[in-house]
Amino acid sequence: ADGRFLAYVEQIGSDQSVWIRQIA
């Protein structure tokens, strides 16, 4: 909500992992 972090799913083939990025 504060725009500081982006979470996303990284998909390589059928494998999925969760990542977080500190935007600043």
PDBML (XML) file of the C-alpha atoms, coordinates in Angstrom:
<?xml version="1.0" encoding="UTF-8" ?>
<PDBx:datablock datablockName="MODEL"
   xmlns:PDBx="http://pdbml.pdb.org/schema/pdbx-v50.xsd"
   xmlns:xsi="http://www.w3.org/2001/XMLSchema-instance"
   xsi:schemaLocation="http://pdbml.pdb.org/schema/pdbx-v50.xsd pdbx-v50.xsd">
   <PDBx:atom_siteCategory>
      <PDBx:atom_site id="1">
         <PDBx:B_iso_or_equiv>0.00</PDBx:B_iso_or_equiv>
         <PDBx:Cartn_x>0.000</PDBx:Cartn_x>
         <PDBx:Cartn_y>0.000</PDBx:Cartn_y>
         <PDBx:Cartn_z>0.000</PDBx:Cartn_z>
         <PDBx:auth_asym_id>A</PDBx:auth_asym_id>
         <PDBx:auth_atom_id>CA</PDBx:auth_atom_id>
         <PDBx:auth_comp_id>ALA</PDBx:auth_comp_id>
         <PDBx:auth_seq_id>1</PDBx:auth_seq_id>
         <PDBx:group_PDB>ATOM</PDBx:group_PDB>
         <PDBx:label_alt_id xsi:nil="true" />
         <PDBx:label_asym_id>A</PDBx:label_asym_id>
         <PDBx:label_atom_id>CA</PDBx:label_atom_id>
         <PDBx:label_comp_id>ALA</PDBx:label_comp_id>
         <PDBx:label_entity_id>1</PDBx:label_entity_id>
         <PDBx:label_seq_id>1</PDBx:label_seq_id>
         <PDBx:occupancy>1.00</PDBx:occupancy>
         <PDBx:pdbx_PDB_model_num>1</PDBx:pdbx_PDB_model_num>
         <PDBx:type_symbol>C</PDBx:type_symbol>
      </PDBx:atom_site>
      <PDBx:atom_site id="2">
         <PDBx:B_iso_or_equiv>0.00</PDBx:B_iso_or_equiv>
         <PDBx:Cartn_x>2.897</PDBx:Cartn_x>
         <PDBx:Cartn_y>2.381</PDBx:Cartn_y>
         <PDBx:Cartn_z>0.661</PDBx:Cartn_z>
         <PDBx:auth_asym_id>A</PDBx:auth_asym_id>
         <PDBx:auth_atom_id>CA</PDBx:auth_atom_id>
         <PDBx:auth_comp_id>ASP</PDBx:auth_comp_id>
         <PDBx:auth_seq_id>2</PDBx:auth_seq_id>
         <PDBx:group_PDB>ATOM</PDBx:group_PDB>
         <PDBx:label_alt_id xsi:nil="true" />
         <PDBx:label_asym_id>A</PDBx:label_asym_id>
         <PDBx:label_atom_id>CA</PDBx:label_atom_id>
         <PDBx:label_comp_id>ASP</PDBx:label_comp_id>
         <PDBx:label_entity_id>1</PDBx:label_entity_id>
         <PDBx:label_seq_id>2</PDBx:label_seq_id>
         <PDBx:occupancy>1.00</PDBx:occupancy>
         <PDBx:pdbx_PDB_model_num>1</PDBx:pdbx_PDB_model_num>
         <PDBx:type_symbol>C</PDBx:type_symbol>
      </PDBx:atom_site>
      <PDBx:atom_site id="3">
         <PDBx:B_iso_or_equiv>0.00</PDBx:B_iso_or_equiv>
         <PDBx:Cartn_x>4.515</PDBx:Cartn_x>
         <PDBx:Cartn_y>1.548</PDBx:Cartn_y>
         <PDBx:Cartn_z>-2.690</PDBx:Cartn_z>
         <PDBx:auth_asym_id>A</PDBx:auth_asym_id>
         <PDBx:auth_atom_id>CA</PDBx:auth_atom_id>
         <PDBx:auth_comp_id>GLY</PDBx:auth_comp_id>
         <PDBx:auth_seq_id>3</PDBx:auth_seq_id>
         <PDBx:group_PDB>ATOM</PDBx:group_PDB>
         <PDBx:label_alt_id xsi:nil="true" />
         <PDBx:label_asym_id>A</PDBx:label_asym_id>
         <PDBx:label_atom_id>CA</PDBx:label_atom_id>
         <PDBx:label_comp_id>GLY</PDBx:label_comp_id>
         <PDBx:label_entity_id>1</PDBx:label_entity_id>
         <PDBx:label_seq_id>3</PDBx:label_seq_id>
         <PDBx:occupancy>1.00</PDBx:occupancy>
         <PDBx:pdbx_PDB_model_num>1</PDBx:pdbx_PDB_model_num>
         <PDBx:type_symbol>C</PDBx:type_symbol>
      </PDBx:atom_site>
      <PDBx:atom_site id="4">
         <PDBx:B_iso_or_equiv>0.00</PDBx:B_iso_or_equiv>
         <PDBx:Cartn_x>7.788</PDBx:Cartn_x>
         <PDBx:Cartn_y>0.396</PDBx:Cartn_y>
         <PDBx:Cartn_z>-1.106</PDBx:Cartn_z>
         <PDBx:auth_asym_id>A</PDBx:auth_asym_id>
         <PDBx:auth_atom_id>CA</PDBx:auth_atom_id>
         <PDBx:auth_comp_id>ARG</PDBx:auth_comp_id>
         <PDBx:auth_seq_id>4</PDBx:auth_seq_id>
         <PDBx:group_PDB>ATOM</PDBx:group_PDB>
         <PDBx:label_alt_id xsi:nil="true" />
         <PDBx:label_asym_id>A</PDBx:label_asym_id>
         <PDBx:label_atom_id>CA</PDBx:label_atom_id>
         <PDBx:label_comp_id>ARG</PDBx:label_comp_id>
         <PDBx:label_entity_id>1</PDBx:label_entity_id>
         <PDBx:label_seq_id>4</PDBx:label_seq_id>
         <PDBx:occupancy>1.00</PDBx:occupancy>
         <PDBx:pdbx_PDB_model_num>1</PDBx:pdbx_PDB_model_num>
         <PDBx:type_symbol>C</PDBx:type_symbol>
      </PDBx:atom_site>
      <PDBx:atom_site id="5">
         <PDBx:B_iso_or_equiv>0.00</PDBx:B_iso_or_equiv>
         <PDBx:Cartn_x>7.631</PDBx:Cartn_x>
         <PDBx:Cartn_y>-3.319</PDBx:Cartn_y>
         <PDBx:Cartn_z>-1.971</PDBx:Cartn_z>
         <PDBx:auth_asym_id>A</PDBx:auth_asym_id>
         <PDBx:auth_atom_id>CA</PDBx:auth_atom_id>
         <PDBx:auth_comp_id>PHE</PDBx:auth_comp_id>
         <PDBx:auth_seq_id>5</PDBx:auth_seq_id>
         <PDBx:group_PDB>ATOM</PDBx:group_PDB>
         <PDBx:label_alt_id xsi:nil="true" />
         <PDBx:label_asym_id>A</PDBx:label_asym_id>
         <PDBx:label_atom_id>CA</PDBx:label_atom_id>
         <PDBx:label_comp_id>PHE</PDBx:label_comp_id>
         <PDBx:label_entity_id>1</PDBx:label_entity_id>
         <PDBx:label_seq_id>5</PDBx:label_seq_id>
         <PDBx:occupancy>1.00</PDBx:occupancy>
         <PDBx:pdbx_PDB_model_num>1</PDBx:pdbx_PDB_model_num>
         <PDBx:type_symbol>C</PDBx:type_symbol>
      </PDBx:atom_site>
      <PDBx:atom_site id="6">
         <PDBx:B_iso_or_equiv>0.00</PDBx:B_iso_or_equiv>
         <PDBx:Cartn_x>6.662</PDBx:Cartn_x>
         <PDBx:Cartn_y>-5.442</PDBx:Cartn_y>
         <PDBx:Cartn_z>-4.946</PDBx:Cartn_z>
         <PDBx:auth_asym_id>A</PDBx:auth_asym_id>
         <PDBx:auth_atom_id>CA</PDBx:auth_atom_id>
         <PDBx:auth_comp_id>LEU</PDBx:auth_comp_id>
         <PDBx:auth_seq_id>6</PDBx:auth_seq_id>
         <PDBx:group_PDB>ATOM</PDBx:group_PDB>
         <PDBx:label_alt_id xsi:nil="true" />
         <PDBx:label_asym_id>A</PDBx:label_asym_id>
         <PDBx:label_atom_id>CA</PDBx:label_atom_id>
         <PDBx:label_comp_id>LEU</PDBx:label_comp_id>
         <PDBx:label_entity_id>1</PDBx:label_entity_id>
         <PDBx:label_seq_id>6</PDBx:label_seq_id>
         <PDBx:occupancy>1.00</PDBx:occupancy>
         <PDBx:pdbx_PDB_model_num>1</PDBx:pdbx_PDB_model_num>
         <PDBx:type_symbol>C</PDBx:type_symbol>
      </PDBx:atom_site>
      <PDBx:atom_site id="7">
         <PDBx:B_iso_or_equiv>0.00</PDBx:B_iso_or_equiv>
         <PDBx:Cartn_x>5.955</PDBx:Cartn_x>
         <PDBx:Cartn_y>-9.134</PDBx:Cartn_y>
         <PDBx:Cartn_z>-4.465</PDBx:Cartn_z>
         <PDBx:auth_asym_id>A</PDBx:auth_asym_id>
         <PDBx:auth_atom_id>CA</PDBx:auth_atom_id>
         <PDBx:auth_comp_id>ALA</PDBx:auth_comp_id>
         <PDBx:auth_seq_id>7</PDBx:auth_seq_id>
         <PDBx:group_PDB>ATOM</PDBx:group_PDB>
         <PDBx:label_alt_id xsi:nil="true" />
         <PDBx:label_asym_id>A</PDBx:label_asym_id>
         <PDBx:label_atom_id>CA</PDBx:label_atom_id>
         <PDBx:label_comp_id>ALA</PDBx:label_comp_id>
         <PDBx:label_entity_id>1</PDBx:label_entity_id>
         <PDBx:label_seq_id>7</PDBx:label_seq_id>
         <PDBx:occupancy>1.00</PDBx:occupancy>
         <PDBx:pdbx_PDB_model_num>1</PDBx:pdbx_PDB_model_num>
         <PDBx:type_symbol>C</PDBx:type_symbol>
      </PDBx:atom_site>
      <PDBx:atom_site id="8">
         <PDBx:B_iso_or_equiv>0.00</PDBx:B_iso_or_equiv>
         <PDBx:Cartn_x>5.671</PDBx:Cartn_x>
         <PDBx:Cartn_y>-11.433</PDBx:Cartn_y>
         <PDBx:Cartn_z>-7.462</PDBx:Cartn_z>
         <PDBx:auth_asym_id>A</PDBx:auth_asym_id>
         <PDBx:auth_atom_id>CA</PDBx:auth_atom_id>
         <PDBx:auth_comp_id>TYR</PDBx:auth_comp_id>
         <PDBx:auth_seq_id>8</PDBx:auth_seq_id>
         <PDBx:group_PDB>ATOM</PDBx:group_PDB>
         <PDBx:label_alt_id xsi:nil="true" />
         <PDBx:label_asym_id>A</PDBx:label_asym_id>
         <PDBx:label_atom_id>CA</PDBx:label_atom_id>
         <PDBx:label_comp_id>TYR</PDBx:label_comp_id>
         <PDBx:label_entity_id>1</PDBx:label_entity_id>
         <PDBx:label_seq_id>8</PDBx:label_seq_id>
         <PDBx:occupancy>1.00</PDBx:occupancy>
         <PDBx:pdbx_PDB_model_num>1</PDBx:pdbx_PDB_model_num>
         <PDBx:type_symbol>C</PDBx:type_symbol>
      </PDBx:atom_site>
      <PDBx:atom_site id="9">
         <PDBx:B_iso_or_equiv>0.00</PDBx:B_iso_or_equiv>
         <PDBx:Cartn_x>5.766</PDBx:Cartn_x>
         <PDBx:Cartn_y>-15.051</PDBx:Cartn_y>
         <PDBx:Cartn_z>-8.583</PDBx:Cartn_z>
         <PDBx:auth_asym_id>A</PDBx:auth_asym_id>
         <PDBx:auth_atom_id>CA</PDBx:auth_atom_id>
         <PDBx:auth_comp_id>VAL</PDBx:auth_comp_id>
         <PDBx:auth_seq_id>9</PDBx:auth_seq_id>
         <PDBx:group_PDB>ATOM</PDBx:group_PDB>
         <PDBx:label_alt_id xsi:nil="true" />
         <PDBx:label_asym_id>A</PDBx:label_asym_id>
         <PDBx:label_atom_id>CA</PDBx:label_atom_id>
         <PDBx:label_comp_id>VAL</PDBx:label_comp_id>
         <PDBx:label_entity_id>1</PDBx:label_entity_id>
         <PDBx:label_seq_id>9</PDBx:label_seq_id>
         <PDBx:occupancy>1.00</PDBx:occupancy>
         <PDBx:pdbx_PDB_model_num>1</PDBx:pdbx_PDB_model_num>
         <PDBx:type_symbol>C</PDBx:type_symbol>
      </PDBx:atom_site>
      <PDBx:atom_site id="10">
         <PDBx:B_iso_or_equiv>0.00</PDBx:B_iso_or_equiv>
         <PDBx:Cartn_x>8.735</PDBx:Cartn_x>
         <PDBx:Cartn_y>-16.127</PDBx:Cartn_y>
         <PDBx:Cartn_z>-10.659</PDBx:Cartn_z>
         <PDBx:auth_asym_id>A</PDBx:auth_asym_id>
         <PDBx:auth_atom_id>CA</PDBx:auth_atom_id>
         <PDBx:auth_comp_id>GLU</PDBx:auth_comp_id>
         <PDBx:auth_seq_id>10</PDBx:auth_seq_id>
         <PDBx:group_PDB>ATOM</PDBx:group_PDB>
         <PDBx:label_alt_id xsi:nil="true" />
         <PDBx:label_asym_id>A</PDBx:label_asym_id>
         <PDBx:label_atom_id>CA</PDBx:label_atom_id>
         <PDBx:label_comp_id>GLU</PDBx:label_comp_id>
         <PDBx:label_entity_id>1</PDBx:label_entity_id>
         <PDBx:label_seq_id>10</PDBx:label_seq_id>
         <PDBx:occupancy>1.00</PDBx:occupancy>
         <PDBx:pdbx_PDB_model_num>1</PDBx:pdbx_PDB_model_num>
         <PDBx:type_symbol>C</PDBx:type_symbol>
      </PDBx:atom_site>
      <PDBx:atom_site id="11">
         <PDBx:B_iso_or_equiv>0.00</PDBx:B_iso_or_equiv>
         <PDBx:Cartn_x>7.884</PDBx:Cartn_x>
         <PDBx:Cartn_y>-19.063</PDBx:Cartn_y>
         <PDBx:Cartn_z>-12.930</PDBx:Cartn_z>
         <PDBx:auth_asym_id>A</PDBx:auth_asym_id>
         <PDBx:auth_atom_id>CA</PDBx:auth_atom_id>
         <PDBx:auth_comp_id>GLN</PDBx:auth_comp_id>
         <PDBx:auth_seq_id>11</PDBx:auth_seq_id>
         <PDBx:group_PDB>ATOM</PDBx:group_PDB>
         <PDBx:label_alt_id xsi:nil="true" />
         <PDBx:label_asym_id>A</PDBx:label_asym_id>
         <PDBx:label_atom_id>CA</PDBx:label_atom_id>
         <PDBx:label_comp_id>GLN</PDBx:label_comp_id>
         <PDBx:label_entity_id>1</PDBx:label_entity_id>
         <PDBx:label_seq_id>11</PDBx:label_seq_id>
         <PDBx:occupancy>1.00</PDBx:occupancy>
         <PDBx:pdbx_PDB_model_num>1</PDBx:pdbx_PDB_model_num>
         <PDBx:type_symbol>C</PDBx:type_symbol>
      </PDBx:atom_site>
      <PDBx:atom_site id="12">
         <PDBx:B_iso_or_equiv>0.00</PDBx:B_iso_or_equiv>
         <PDBx:Cartn_x>10.638</PDBx:Cartn_x>
         <PDBx:Cartn_y>-21.159</PDBx:Cartn_y>
         <PDBx:Cartn_z>-14.484</PDBx:Cartn_z>
         <PDBx:auth_asym_id>A</PDBx:auth_asym_id>
         <PDBx:auth_atom_id>CA</PDBx:auth_atom_id>
         <PDBx:auth_comp_id>ILE</PDBx:auth_comp_id>
         <PDBx:auth_seq_id>12</PDBx:auth_seq_id>
         <PDBx:group_PDB>ATOM</PDBx:group_PDB>
         <PDBx:label_alt_id xsi:nil="true" />
         <PDBx:label_asym_id>A</PDBx:label_asym_id>
         <PDBx:label_atom_id>CA</PDBx:label_atom_id>
         <PDBx:label_comp_id>ILE</PDBx:label_comp_id>
         <PDBx:label_entity_id>1</PDBx:label_entity_id>
         <PDBx:label_seq_id>12</PDBx:label_seq_id>
         <PDBx:occupancy>1.00</PDBx:occupancy>
         <PDBx:pdbx_PDB_model_num>1</PDBx:pdbx_PDB_model_num>
         <PDBx:type_symbol>C</PDBx:type_symbol>
      </PDBx:atom_site>
      <PDBx:atom_site id="13">
         <PDBx:B_iso_or_equiv>0.00</PDBx:B_iso_or_equiv>
         <PDBx:Cartn_x>9.019</PDBx:Cartn_x>
         <PDBx:Cartn_y>-24.037</PDBx:Cartn_y>
         <PDBx:Cartn_z>-16.361</PDBx:Cartn_z>
         <PDBx:auth_asym_id>A</PDBx:auth_asym_id>
         <PDBx:auth_atom_id>CA</PDBx:auth_atom_id>
         <PDBx:auth_comp_id>GLY</PDBx:auth_comp_id>
         <PDBx:auth_seq_id>13</PDBx:auth_seq_id>
         <PDBx:group_PDB>ATOM</PDBx:group_PDB>
         <PDBx:label_alt_id xsi:nil="true" />
         <PDBx:label_asym_id>A</PDBx:label_asym_id>
         <PDBx:label_atom_id>CA</PDBx:label_atom_id>
         <PDBx:label_comp_id>GLY</PDBx:label_comp_id>
         <PDBx:label_entity_id>1</PDBx:label_entity_id>
         <PDBx:label_seq_id>13</PDBx:label_seq_id>
         <PDBx:occupancy>1.00</PDBx:occupancy>
         <PDBx:pdbx_PDB_model_num>1</PDBx:pdbx_PDB_model_num>
         <PDBx:type_symbol>C</PDBx:type_symbol>
      </PDBx:atom_site>
      <PDBx:atom_site id="14">
         <PDBx:B_iso_or_equiv>0.00</PDBx:B_iso_or_equiv>
         <PDBx:Cartn_x>6.473</PDBx:Cartn_x>
         <PDBx:Cartn_y>-25.465</PDBx:Cartn_y>
         <PDBx:Cartn_z>-13.933</PDBx:Cartn_z>
         <PDBx:auth_asym_id>A</PDBx:auth_asym_id>
         <PDBx:auth_atom_id>CA</PDBx:auth_atom_id>
         <PDBx:auth_comp_id>SER</PDBx:auth_comp_id>
         <PDBx:auth_seq_id>14</PDBx:auth_seq_id>
         <PDBx:group_PDB>ATOM</PDBx:group_PDB>
         <PDBx:label_alt_id xsi:nil="true" />
         <PDBx:label_asym_id>A</PDBx:label_asym_id>
         <PDBx:label_atom_id>CA</PDBx:label_atom_id>
         <PDBx:label_comp_id>SER</PDBx:label_comp_id>
         <PDBx:label_entity_id>1</PDBx:label_entity_id>
         <PDBx:label_seq_id>14</PDBx:label_seq_id>
         <PDBx:occupancy>1.00</PDBx:occupancy>
         <PDBx:pdbx_PDB_model_num>1</PDBx:pdbx_PDB_model_num>
         <PDBx:type_symbol>C</PDBx:type_symbol>
      </PDBx:atom_site>
      <PDBx:atom_site id="15">
         <PDBx:B_iso_or_equiv>0.00</PDBx:B_iso_or_equiv>
         <PDBx:Cartn_x>8.375</PDBx:Cartn_x>
         <PDBx:Cartn_y>-24.268</PDBx:Cartn_y>
         <PDBx:Cartn_z>-10.840</PDBx:Cartn_z>
         <PDBx:auth_asym_id>A</PDBx:auth_asym_id>
         <PDBx:auth_atom_id>CA</PDBx:auth_atom_id>
         <PDBx:auth_comp_id>ASP</PDBx:auth_comp_id>
         <PDBx:auth_seq_id>15</PDBx:auth_seq_id>
         <PDBx:group_PDB>ATOM</PDBx:group_PDB>
         <PDBx:label_alt_id xsi:nil="true" />
         <PDBx:label_asym_id>A</PDBx:label_asym_id>
         <PDBx:label_atom_id>CA</PDBx:label_atom_id>
         <PDBx:label_comp_id>ASP</PDBx:label_comp_id>
         <PDBx:label_entity_id>1</PDBx:label_entity_id>
         <PDBx:label_seq_id>15</PDBx:label_seq_id>
         <PDBx:occupancy>1.00</PDBx:occupancy>
         <PDBx:pdbx_PDB_model_num>1</PDBx:pdbx_PDB_model_num>
         <PDBx:type_symbol>C</PDBx:type_symbol>
      </PDBx:atom_site>
      <PDBx:atom_site id="16">
         <PDBx:B_iso_or_equiv>0.00</PDBx:B_iso_or_equiv>
         <PDBx:Cartn_x>6.981</PDBx:Cartn_x>
         <PDBx:Cartn_y>-21.205</PDBx:Cartn_y>
         <PDBx:Cartn_z>-9.054</PDBx:Cartn_z>
         <PDBx:auth_asym_id>A</PDBx:auth_asym_id>
         <PDBx:auth_atom_id>CA</PDBx:auth_atom_id>
         <PDBx:auth_comp_id>GLN</PDBx:auth_comp_id>
         <PDBx:auth_seq_id>16</PDBx:auth_seq_id>
         <PDBx:group_PDB>ATOM</PDBx:group_PDB>
         <PDBx:label_alt_id xsi:nil="true" />
         <PDBx:label_asym_id>A</PDBx:label_asym_id>
         <PDBx:label_atom_id>CA</PDBx:label_atom_id>
         <PDBx:label_comp_id>GLN</PDBx:label_comp_id>
         <PDBx:label_entity_id>1</PDBx:label_entity_id>
         <PDBx:label_seq_id>16</PDBx:label_seq_id>
         <PDBx:occupancy>1.00</PDBx:occupancy>
         <PDBx:pdbx_PDB_model_num>1</PDBx:pdbx_PDB_model_num>
         <PDBx:type_symbol>C</PDBx:type_symbol>
      </PDBx:atom_site>
      <PDBx:atom_site id="17">
         <PDBx:B_iso_or_equiv>0.00</PDBx:B_iso_or_equiv>
         <PDBx:Cartn_x>8.705</PDBx:Cartn_x>
         <PDBx:Cartn_y>-19.214</PDBx:Cartn_y>
         <PDBx:Cartn_z>-6.316</PDBx:Cartn_z>
         <PDBx:auth_asym_id>A</PDBx:auth_asym_id>
         <PDBx:auth_atom_id>CA</PDBx:auth_atom_id>
         <PDBx:auth_comp_id>SER</PDBx:auth_comp_id>
         <PDBx:auth_seq_id>17</PDBx:auth_seq_id>
         <PDBx:group_PDB>ATOM</PDBx:group_PDB>
         <PDBx:label_alt_id xsi:nil="true" />
         <PDBx:label_asym_id>A</PDBx:label_asym_id>
         <PDBx:label_atom_id>CA</PDBx:label_atom_id>
         <PDBx:label_comp_id>SER</PDBx:label_comp_id>
         <PDBx:label_entity_id>1</PDBx:label_entity_id>
         <PDBx:label_seq_id>17</PDBx:label_seq_id>
         <PDBx:occupancy>1.00</PDBx:occupancy>
         <PDBx:pdbx_PDB_model_num>1</PDBx:pdbx_PDB_model_num>
         <PDBx:type_symbol>C</PDBx:type_symbol>
      </PDBx:atom_site>
      <PDBx:atom_site id="18">
         <PDBx:B_iso_or_equiv>0.00</PDBx:B_iso_or_equiv>
         <PDBx:Cartn_x>7.779</PDBx:Cartn_x>
         <PDBx:Cartn_y>-15.977</PDBx:Cartn_y>
         <PDBx:Cartn_z>-4.522</PDBx:Cartn_z>
         <PDBx:auth_asym_id>A</PDBx:auth_asym_id>
         <PDBx:auth_atom_id>CA</PDBx:auth_atom_id>
         <PDBx:auth_comp_id>VAL</PDBx:auth_comp_id>
         <PDBx:auth_seq_id>18</PDBx:auth_seq_id>
         <PDBx:group_PDB>ATOM</PDBx:group_PDB>
         <PDBx:label_alt_id xsi:nil="true" />
         <PDBx:label_asym_id>A</PDBx:label_asym_id>
         <PDBx:label_atom_id>CA</PDBx:label_atom_id>
         <PDBx:label_comp_id>VAL</PDBx:label_comp_id>
         <PDBx:label_entity_id>1</PDBx:label_entity_id>
         <PDBx:label_seq_id>18</PDBx:label_seq_id>
         <PDBx:occupancy>1.00</PDBx:occupancy>
         <PDBx:pdbx_PDB_model_num>1</PDBx:pdbx_PDB_model_num>
         <PDBx:type_symbol>C</PDBx:type_symbol>
      </PDBx:atom_site>
      <PDBx:atom_site id="19">
         <PDBx:B_iso_or_equiv>0.00</PDBx:B_iso_or_equiv>
         <PDBx:Cartn_x>10.086</PDBx:Cartn_x>
         <PDBx:Cartn_y>-12.967</PDBx:Cartn_y>
         <PDBx:Cartn_z>-4.624</PDBx:Cartn_z>
         <PDBx:auth_asym_id>A</PDBx:auth_asym_id>
         <PDBx:auth_atom_id>CA</PDBx:auth_atom_id>
         <PDBx:auth_comp_id>TRP</PDBx:auth_comp_id>
         <PDBx:auth_seq_id>19</PDBx:auth_seq_id>
         <PDBx:group_PDB>ATOM</PDBx:group_PDB>
         <PDBx:label_alt_id xsi:nil="true" />
         <PDBx:label_asym_id>A</PDBx:label_asym_id>
         <PDBx:label_atom_id>CA</PDBx:label_atom_id>
         <PDBx:label_comp_id>TRP</PDBx:label_comp_id>
         <PDBx:label_entity_id>1</PDBx:label_entity_id>
         <PDBx:label_seq_id>19</PDBx:label_seq_id>
         <PDBx:occupancy>1.00</PDBx:occupancy>
         <PDBx:pdbx_PDB_model_num>1</PDBx:pdbx_PDB_model_num>
         <PDBx:type_symbol>C</PDBx:type_symbol>
      </PDBx:atom_site>
      <PDBx:atom_site id="20">
         <PDBx:B_iso_or_equiv>0.00</PDBx:B_iso_or_equiv>
         <PDBx:Cartn_x>9.967</PDBx:Cartn_x>
         <PDBx:Cartn_y>-9.522</PDBx:Cartn_y>
         <PDBx:Cartn_z>-3.058</PDBx:Cartn_z>
         <PDBx:auth_asym_id>A</PDBx:auth_asym_id>
         <PDBx:auth_atom_id>CA</PDBx:auth_atom_id>
         <PDBx:auth_comp_id>ILE</PDBx:auth_comp_id>
         <PDBx:auth_seq_id>20</PDBx:auth_seq_id>
         <PDBx:group_PDB>ATOM</PDBx:group_PDB>
         <PDBx:label_alt_id xsi:nil="true" />
         <PDBx:label_asym_id>A</PDBx:label_asym_id>
         <PDBx:label_atom_id>CA</PDBx:label_atom_id>
         <PDBx:label_comp_id>ILE</PDBx:label_comp_id>
         <PDBx:label_entity_id>1</PDBx:label_entity_id>
         <PDBx:label_seq_id>20</PDBx:label_seq_id>
         <PDBx:occupancy>1.00</PDBx:occupancy>
         <PDBx:pdbx_PDB_model_num>1</PDBx:pdbx_PDB_model_num>
         <PDBx:type_symbol>C</PDBx:type_symbol>
      </PDBx:atom_site>
      <PDBx:atom_site id="21">
         <PDBx:B_iso_or_equiv>0.00</PDBx:B_iso_or_equiv>
         <PDBx:Cartn_x>11.646</PDBx:Cartn_x>
         <PDBx:Cartn_y>-6.390</PDBx:Cartn_y>
         <PDBx:Cartn_z>-4.339</PDBx:Cartn_z>
         <PDBx:auth_asym_id>A</PDBx:auth_asym_id>
         <PDBx:auth_atom_id>CA</PDBx:auth_atom_id>
         <PDBx:auth_comp_id>ARG</PDBx:auth_comp_id>
         <PDBx:auth_seq_id>21</PDBx:auth_seq_id>
         <PDBx:group_PDB>ATOM</PDBx:group_PDB>
         <PDBx:label_alt_id xsi:nil="true" />
         <PDBx:label_asym_id>A</PDBx:label_asym_id>
         <PDBx:label_atom_id>CA</PDBx:label_atom_id>
         <PDBx:label_comp_id>ARG</PDBx:label_comp_id>
         <PDBx:label_entity_id>1</PDBx:label_entity_id>
         <PDBx:label_seq_id>21</PDBx:label_seq_id>
         <PDBx:occupancy>1.00</PDBx:occupancy>
         <PDBx:pdbx_PDB_model_num>1</PDBx:pdbx_PDB_model_num>
         <PDBx:type_symbol>C</PDBx:type_symbol>
      </PDBx:atom_site>
      <PDBx:atom_site id="22">
         <PDBx:B_iso_or_equiv>0.00</PDBx:B_iso_or_equiv>
         <PDBx:Cartn_x>12.354</PDBx:Cartn_x>
         <PDBx:Cartn_y>-3.263</PDBx:Cartn_y>
         <PDBx:Cartn_z>-2.346</PDBx:Cartn_z>
         <PDBx:auth_asym_id>A</PDBx:auth_asym_id>
         <PDBx:auth_atom_id>CA</PDBx:auth_atom_id>
         <PDBx:auth_comp_id>GLN</PDBx:auth_comp_id>
         <PDBx:auth_seq_id>22</PDBx:auth_seq_id>
         <PDBx:group_PDB>ATOM</PDBx:group_PDB>
         <PDBx:label_alt_id xsi:nil="true" />
         <PDBx:label_asym_id>A</PDBx:label_asym_id>
         <PDBx:label_atom_id>CA</PDBx:label_atom_id>
         <PDBx:label_comp_id>GLN</PDBx:label_comp_id>
         <PDBx:label_entity_id>1</PDBx:label_entity_id>
         <PDBx:label_seq_id>22</PDBx:label_seq_id>
         <PDBx:occupancy>1.00</PDBx:occupancy>
         <PDBx:pdbx_PDB_model_num>1</PDBx:pdbx_PDB_model_num>
         <PDBx:type_symbol>C</PDBx:type_symbol>
      </PDBx:atom_site>
      <PDBx:atom_site id="23">
         <PDBx:B_iso_or_equiv>0.00</PDBx:B_iso_or_equiv>
         <PDBx:Cartn_x>11.584</PDBx:Cartn_x>
         <PDBx:Cartn_y>-0.665</PDBx:Cartn_y>
         <PDBx:Cartn_z>-4.989</PDBx:Cartn_z>
         <PDBx:auth_asym_id>A</PDBx:auth_asym_id>
         <PDBx:auth_atom_id>CA</PDBx:auth_atom_id>
         <PDBx:auth_comp_id>ILE</PDBx:auth_comp_id>
         <PDBx:auth_seq_id>23</PDBx:auth_seq_id>
         <PDBx:group_PDB>ATOM</PDBx:group_PDB>
         <PDBx:label_alt_id xsi:nil="true" />
         <PDBx:label_asym_id>A</PDBx:label_asym_id>
         <PDBx:label_atom_id>CA</PDBx:label_atom_id>
         <PDBx:label_comp_id>ILE</PDBx:label_comp_id>
         <PDBx:label_entity_id>1</PDBx:label_entity_id>
         <PDBx:label_seq_id>23</PDBx:label_seq_id>
         <PDBx:occupancy>1.00</PDBx:occupancy>
         <PDBx:pdbx_PDB_model_num>1</PDBx:pdbx_PDB_model_num>
         <PDBx:type_symbol>C</PDBx:type_symbol>
      </PDBx:atom_site>
      <PDBx:atom_site id="24">
         <PDBx:B_iso_or_equiv>0.00</PDBx:B_iso_or_equiv>
         <PDBx:Cartn_x>13.774</PDBx:Cartn_x>
         <PDBx:Cartn_y>2.180</PDBx:Cartn_y>
         <PDBx:Cartn_z>-3.659</PDBx:Cartn_z>
         <PDBx:auth_asym_id>A</PDBx:auth_asym_id>
         <PDBx:auth_atom_id>CA</PDBx:auth_atom_id>
         <PDBx:auth_comp_id>ALA</PDBx:auth_comp_id>
         <PDBx:auth_seq_id>24</PDBx:auth_seq_id>
         <PDBx:group_PDB>ATOM</PDBx:group_PDB>
         <PDBx:label_alt_id xsi:nil="true" />
         <PDBx:label_asym_id>A</PDBx:label_asym_id>
         <PDBx:label_atom_id>CA</PDBx:label_atom_id>
         <PDBx:label_comp_id>ALA</PDBx:label_comp_id>
         <PDBx:label_entity_id>1</PDBx:label_entity_id>
         <PDBx:label_seq_id>24</PDBx:label_seq_id>
         <PDBx:occupancy>1.00</PDBx:occupancy>
         <PDBx:pdbx_PDB_model_num>1</PDBx:pdbx_PDB_model_num>
         <PDBx:type_symbol>C</PDBx:type_symbol>
      </PDBx:atom_site>
   </PDBx:atom_siteCategory>
</PDBx:datablock>
